[in-house]
Every structure is written in C-alpha cells, then in structure tokens.
Amino acid sequence: MDLSQKSPENVEFMIEKIKEKLRVVNVGAIKPSHFDGEMYEELRDIYEMVDRKNHFSPSEMQAIVEELGNLRKQ
C-alpha cells in the first residue's frame, strides 16, 4: 500500500492497523471518518511509529490515543 498518497482508503488502513496494534477495546472511539486529509501527515507519522514497535507501555498507549484525539476533525 502506497501511504504517500492521501486517500480515504489509506486513512482507513492506518487507523485500523493502529487499533489492531494497540488492541483498542473501544473501537468505535477511533473511526477513519473522524480524520480528514489536513492531518494526513501527522496520522502517517503516528502510524509509522506504532508500526515499528512491538510493545507499548500503558502511558505510551494513552499518549498515542490522546494524540489521535487531537487530530480528529472538529
């Protein structure tokens, strides 16, 4: 998948992979429709960081989810 291209499909892919990796319990709290193209690069940065790591501390998980919350559409 070419994540250099901004597209709704890529946003959905990254959000789903982040949720899988973090084992998000409340999957409805983070939906691809909550994000738009304006924050694409920031979302991709988070995705790449999450993709590289195999383990997350509770504080890291909280920080990532908070950052995703900051990127949500208003």
N, C-alpha and C. Protein backbone atom coordinates (compact mmCIF):
# COMPACT_ATOMS: atom_id res chain seq x y z
N MET A 1 0.85 -1.18 0.00
CA MET A 1 0.00 0.00 0.00
C MET A 1 0.90 1.23 0.00
N ASP A 2 0.58 2.18 -0.87
CA ASP A 2 1.36 3.42 -1.00
C ASP A 2 0.75 4.48 -0.09
N LEU A 3 1.33 4.65 1.08
CA LEU A 3 0.78 5.61 2.04
C LEU A 3 1.23 7.03 1.77
N SER A 4 2.03 7.24 0.72
CA SER A 4 2.43 8.60 0.38
C SER A 4 1.27 9.36 -0.27
N GLN A 5 0.26 8.64 -0.71
CA GLN A 5 -0.91 9.26 -1.34
C GLN A 5 -2.03 9.47 -0.33
N LYS A 6 -2.51 10.69 -0.22
CA LYS A 6 -3.64 10.97 0.67
C LYS A 6 -4.90 10.39 0.06
N SER A 7 -5.55 9.50 0.80
CA SER A 7 -6.82 8.96 0.32
C SER A 7 -7.60 8.43 1.52
N PRO A 8 -8.91 8.39 1.39
CA PRO A 8 -9.73 7.83 2.48
C PRO A 8 -9.36 6.38 2.77
N GLU A 9 -8.98 5.63 1.74
CA GLU A 9 -8.60 4.24 1.92
C GLU A 9 -7.34 4.11 2.78
N ASN A 10 -6.38 4.99 2.53
CA ASN A 10 -5.15 4.96 3.30
C ASN A 10 -5.40 5.36 4.76
N VAL A 11 -6.26 6.35 4.97
CA VAL A 11 -6.62 6.75 6.33
C VAL A 11 -7.25 5.57 7.06
N GLU A 12 -8.17 4.90 6.39
CA GLU A 12 -8.84 3.75 6.99
C GLU A 12 -7.83 2.65 7.32
N PHE A 13 -6.93 2.36 6.39
CA PHE A 13 -5.92 1.34 6.60
C PHE A 13 -5.07 1.66 7.83
N MET A 14 -4.58 2.90 7.92
CA MET A 14 -3.71 3.28 9.03
C MET A 14 -4.44 3.22 10.36
N ILE A 15 -5.67 3.71 10.40
CA ILE A 15 -6.44 3.70 11.64
C ILE A 15 -6.69 2.26 12.09
N GLU A 16 -7.07 1.40 11.16
CA GLU A 16 -7.33 0.00 11.52
C GLU A 16 -6.06 -0.68 12.05
N LYS A 17 -4.93 -0.42 11.41
CA LYS A 17 -3.67 -1.03 11.85
C LYS A 17 -3.26 -0.50 13.23
N ILE A 18 -3.46 0.79 13.47
CA ILE A 18 -3.15 1.36 14.78
C ILE A 18 -4.02 0.72 15.85
N LYS A 19 -5.31 0.57 15.56
CA LYS A 19 -6.22 -0.05 16.54
C LYS A 19 -5.82 -1.49 16.82
N GLU A 20 -5.44 -2.22 15.79
CA GLU A 20 -5.00 -3.62 15.96
C GLU A 20 -3.76 -3.68 16.85
N LYS A 21 -2.79 -2.86 16.54
CA LYS A 21 -1.51 -2.89 17.25
C LYS A 21 -1.67 -2.48 18.71
N LEU A 22 -2.54 -1.50 18.97
CA LEU A 22 -2.74 -1.02 20.34
C LEU A 22 -3.78 -1.84 21.08
N ARG A 23 -4.44 -2.74 20.35
CA ARG A 23 -5.51 -3.56 20.92
C ARG A 23 -6.58 -2.67 21.56
N VAL A 24 -7.04 -1.70 20.80
CA VAL A 24 -8.04 -0.75 21.28
C VAL A 24 -9.33 -1.51 21.60
N VAL A 25 -9.83 -1.31 22.81
CA VAL A 25 -11.03 -2.00 23.24
C VAL A 25 -12.27 -1.33 22.67
N ASN A 26 -12.34 -0.02 22.78
CA ASN A 26 -13.49 0.73 22.30
C ASN A 26 -13.22 1.17 20.86
N VAL A 27 -13.41 0.24 19.92
CA VAL A 27 -13.07 0.50 18.52
C VAL A 27 -13.92 1.61 17.92
N GLY A 28 -15.09 1.86 18.47
CA GLY A 28 -15.94 2.93 17.96
C GLY A 28 -15.42 4.31 18.28
N ALA A 29 -14.49 4.41 19.21
CA ALA A 29 -13.94 5.70 19.61
C ALA A 29 -12.98 6.26 18.57
N ILE A 30 -12.41 5.39 17.76
CA ILE A 30 -11.46 5.81 16.74
C ILE A 30 -11.94 5.26 15.40
N LYS A 31 -12.50 6.14 14.61
CA LYS A 31 -13.01 5.73 13.29
C LYS A 31 -12.30 6.51 12.20
N PRO A 32 -12.10 5.90 11.05
CA PRO A 32 -11.48 6.62 9.94
C PRO A 32 -12.24 7.89 9.55
N SER A 33 -13.54 7.90 9.72
CA SER A 33 -14.34 9.08 9.35
C SER A 33 -14.06 10.27 10.26
N HIS A 34 -13.38 10.05 11.39
CA HIS A 34 -13.04 11.13 12.31
C HIS A 34 -11.85 11.95 11.82
N PHE A 35 -11.20 11.50 10.76
CA PHE A 35 -9.97 12.14 10.30
C PHE A 35 -10.13 12.62 8.87
N ASP A 36 -9.44 13.72 8.55
CA ASP A 36 -9.50 14.21 7.18
C ASP A 36 -8.09 14.38 6.62
N GLY A 37 -8.02 14.82 5.39
CA GLY A 37 -6.74 14.95 4.70
C GLY A 37 -5.80 15.99 5.29
N GLU A 38 -6.33 16.95 6.01
CA GLU A 38 -5.49 18.01 6.56
C GLU A 38 -4.48 17.47 7.57
N MET A 39 -4.82 16.41 8.25
CA MET A 39 -3.95 15.85 9.27
C MET A 39 -3.29 14.55 8.80
N TYR A 40 -3.27 14.34 7.51
CA TYR A 40 -2.78 13.08 6.96
C TYR A 40 -1.33 12.79 7.36
N GLU A 41 -0.46 13.77 7.22
CA GLU A 41 0.96 13.55 7.53
C GLU A 41 1.17 13.20 8.99
N GLU A 42 0.45 13.88 9.88
CA GLU A 42 0.57 13.60 11.31
C GLU A 42 0.07 12.19 11.62
N LEU A 43 -1.04 11.81 10.98
CA LEU A 43 -1.58 10.46 11.17
C LEU A 43 -0.59 9.41 10.66
N ARG A 44 0.03 9.69 9.53
CA ARG A 44 1.01 8.76 8.98
C ARG A 44 2.23 8.63 9.90
N ASP A 45 2.64 9.74 10.51
CA ASP A 45 3.76 9.68 11.46
C ASP A 45 3.42 8.78 12.64
N ILE A 46 2.20 8.91 13.16
CA ILE A 46 1.77 8.06 14.28
C ILE A 46 1.73 6.60 13.83
N TYR A 47 1.15 6.37 12.66
CA TYR A 47 1.07 5.00 12.13
C TYR A 47 2.47 4.38 12.02
N GLU A 48 3.42 5.10 11.46
CA GLU A 48 4.76 4.56 11.26
C GLU A 48 5.44 4.26 12.59
N MET A 49 5.24 5.13 13.59
CA MET A 49 5.82 4.90 14.91
C MET A 49 5.20 3.66 15.55
N VAL A 50 3.88 3.53 15.46
CA VAL A 50 3.18 2.37 16.04
C VAL A 50 3.60 1.10 15.31
N ASP A 51 3.74 1.18 14.00
CA ASP A 51 4.09 0.00 13.21
C ASP A 51 5.48 -0.53 13.54
N ARG A 52 6.40 0.36 13.92
CA ARG A 52 7.78 -0.05 14.23
C ARG A 52 7.90 -0.76 15.57
N LYS A 53 7.00 -0.46 16.51
CA LYS A 53 7.14 -1.01 17.86
C LYS A 53 6.31 -2.27 18.05
N ASN A 54 6.79 -3.15 18.90
CA ASN A 54 6.06 -4.38 19.19
C ASN A 54 5.36 -4.35 20.53
N HIS A 55 5.79 -3.45 21.41
CA HIS A 55 5.23 -3.38 22.76
C HIS A 55 5.04 -1.92 23.15
N PHE A 56 3.94 -1.65 23.83
CA PHE A 56 3.65 -0.29 24.28
C PHE A 56 3.33 -0.31 25.77
N SER A 57 3.90 0.63 26.49
CA SER A 57 3.55 0.77 27.89
C SER A 57 2.18 1.42 27.97
N PRO A 58 1.50 1.30 29.10
CA PRO A 58 0.19 1.97 29.24
C PRO A 58 0.28 3.47 28.99
N SER A 59 1.35 4.11 29.45
CA SER A 59 1.46 5.56 29.23
C SER A 59 1.69 5.89 27.75
N GLU A 60 2.43 5.03 27.04
CA GLU A 60 2.61 5.24 25.60
C GLU A 60 1.28 5.09 24.87
N MET A 61 0.53 4.08 25.24
CA MET A 61 -0.77 3.86 24.60
C MET A 61 -1.69 5.05 24.83
N GLN A 62 -1.70 5.55 26.06
CA GLN A 62 -2.54 6.70 26.38
C GLN A 62 -2.12 7.91 25.57
N ALA A 63 -0.81 8.14 25.46
CA ALA A 63 -0.31 9.29 24.70
C ALA A 63 -0.69 9.19 23.22
N ILE A 64 -0.61 7.99 22.66
CA ILE A 64 -0.96 7.80 21.25
C ILE A 64 -2.44 8.06 21.03
N VAL A 65 -3.28 7.51 21.90
CA VAL A 65 -4.72 7.72 21.76
C VAL A 65 -5.08 9.19 21.94
N GLU A 66 -4.41 9.87 22.88
CA GLU A 66 -4.65 11.30 23.06
C GLU A 66 -4.25 12.08 21.82
N GLU A 67 -3.12 11.72 21.23
CA GLU A 67 -2.68 12.41 20.03
C GLU A 67 -3.65 12.17 18.87
N LEU A 68 -4.15 10.95 18.76
CA LEU A 68 -5.19 10.68 17.74
C LEU A 68 -6.41 11.55 17.99
N GLY A 69 -6.77 11.71 19.25
CA GLY A 69 -7.90 12.57 19.59
C GLY A 69 -7.65 14.01 19.18
N ASN A 70 -6.42 14.47 19.30
CA ASN A 70 -6.09 15.83 18.88
C ASN A 70 -6.18 16.01 17.37
N LEU A 71 -6.02 14.93 16.63
CA LEU A 71 -6.06 15.00 15.16
C LEU A 71 -7.47 14.90 14.59
N ARG A 72 -8.43 14.54 15.43
CA ARG A 72 -9.79 14.37 14.93
C ARG A 72 -10.36 15.65 14.36
N LYS A 73 -11.23 15.49 13.38
CA LYS A 73 -11.94 16.64 12.79
C LYS A 73 -12.77 17.31 13.86
N GLN A 74 -12.84 18.60 13.77
CA GLN A 74 -13.65 19.37 14.73
C GLN A 74 -15.09 19.42 14.31
